[in-house]
Protein backbone atom coordinates (compact mmCIF):
# COMPACT_ATOMS: atom_id res chain seq x y z
CA MET A 1 0.00 0.00 0.00
CA PRO A 2 2.18 2.89 -1.29
CA VAL A 3 1.86 6.25 0.41
CA GLU A 4 1.26 9.17 -1.92
CA ARG A 5 2.65 12.59 -1.11
CA THR A 6 2.38 15.79 -3.10
CA ILE A 7 5.44 18.01 -3.15
CA THR A 8 4.64 21.56 -4.18
CA THR A 9 7.22 23.85 -5.68
CA ALA A 10 6.89 27.25 -7.31
CA GLU A 11 7.03 25.62 -10.74
CA GLU A 12 5.05 22.38 -10.52
CA ASP A 13 3.38 19.74 -8.35
CA THR A 14 5.04 16.32 -8.22
CA LEU A 15 3.39 13.17 -6.91
CA VAL A 16 5.86 10.97 -5.04
CA VAL A 17 4.96 7.33 -4.37
CA THR A 18 6.88 5.56 -1.63
CA GLU A 19 7.06 1.81 -2.32
CA ASN A 20 8.15 0.65 1.15
CA PRO A 21 6.48 3.01 3.60
CA TYR A 22 6.42 0.71 6.66
CA GLN A 23 8.99 -0.49 9.14
CA LEU A 24 8.84 -3.47 11.46
CA ILE A 25 9.90 -2.35 14.93
CA VAL A 26 11.02 -4.86 17.57
CA TRP A 27 10.96 -3.63 21.16
CA ASN A 28 13.26 -4.43 24.06
CA ASP A 29 11.92 -6.15 27.15
CA GLU A 30 13.27 -7.77 30.29
CA VAL A 31 11.83 -11.21 29.49
CA ASN A 32 13.19 -12.54 26.21
CA THR A 33 16.78 -13.70 25.83
CA PHE A 34 19.20 -12.58 23.14
CA GLU A 35 19.18 -16.13 21.78
CA TRP A 36 15.38 -16.16 21.43
CA VAL A 37 15.29 -12.77 19.68
CA ILE A 38 18.13 -13.81 17.35
CA GLU A 39 16.45 -17.13 16.52
CA THR A 40 13.17 -15.32 15.85
CA LEU A 41 14.75 -12.76 13.51
CA VAL A 42 16.51 -15.53 11.58
CA GLU A 43 13.40 -17.69 11.25
CA VAL A 44 10.74 -15.00 10.77
CA CYS A 45 12.60 -12.21 8.97
CA GLY A 46 15.17 -14.23 7.07
CA HIS A 47 18.13 -12.44 8.66
CA THR A 48 21.52 -14.09 8.80
CA HIS A 49 22.69 -14.98 12.30
CA GLU A 50 25.08 -12.03 12.25
CA GLN A 51 22.37 -9.58 11.16
CA ALA A 52 20.00 -10.88 13.81
CA GLU A 53 22.68 -10.62 16.49
CA GLN A 54 23.42 -7.00 15.55
CA CYS A 55 19.70 -6.18 15.62
CA ALA A 56 19.34 -7.79 19.07
CA TYR A 57 22.15 -5.66 20.49
CA ILE A 58 20.67 -2.48 19.03
CA ILE A 59 17.23 -3.40 20.40
CA HIS A 60 18.78 -4.03 23.83
CA PHE A 61 20.74 -0.77 24.01
CA LYS A 62 18.34 1.57 22.16
CA GLY A 63 15.03 0.10 23.35
CA LYS A 64 13.74 -0.64 19.86
CA TYR A 65 14.94 -1.12 16.30
CA ALA A 66 13.46 -1.23 12.82
CA VAL A 67 14.52 -4.73 11.76
CA LYS A 68 12.84 -4.54 8.34
CA GLN A 69 11.23 -2.10 5.93
CA GLY A 70 8.68 -2.90 3.27
CA GLU A 71 5.08 -3.11 2.25
CA TYR A 72 2.39 -3.56 4.90
CA GLU A 73 1.12 -6.79 3.35
CA LYS A 74 4.57 -8.40 3.63
CA LEU A 75 5.47 -7.09 7.08
CA LYS A 76 2.15 -7.74 8.85
CA PRO A 77 2.52 -11.56 8.93
CA GLN A 78 6.10 -11.19 10.16
CA CYS A 79 5.01 -8.77 12.89
CA ASP A 80 2.28 -11.21 13.95
CA ALA A 81 4.75 -14.13 14.00
CA ILE A 82 7.15 -12.17 16.21
CA THR A 83 4.44 -11.17 18.68
CA ASP A 84 3.14 -14.76 18.69
CA ARG A 85 6.58 -15.70 20.07
CA GLY A 86 6.15 -13.26 22.96
CA ILE A 87 8.37 -10.50 21.58
CA GLY A 88 7.01 -6.96 21.28
CA ALA A 89 6.76 -5.79 17.67
CA THR A 90 4.80 -3.11 15.84
CA LEU A 91 4.44 -1.71 12.34
CA GLU A 92 5.02 1.99 11.87
CA VAL A 93 4.78 4.28 8.88
CA LEU A 94 8.29 5.15 7.74
CA ALA A 95 8.98 8.80 8.52
CA ASN A 96 10.41 10.90 5.71
């Protein structure tokens, strides 16, 4: 579901369509282990072990991290699969 934005200049109006307007945010908590978060990101998001490990550290130290960007229809099942595993995850519109 692309987001349409109109950019107005003195000369013309331009319609900009953003193809991947959503981001999948994973939230830090005090319950889930690094290993569980890493395993989840590998299995659900298709990350390599190294990518998943880096994401887990960022989530831990920053409180949250956008582990993926894309279309709503592709990210929604991944978000649901992550939350089904007891890990906090949300979808947010990508800020420009």
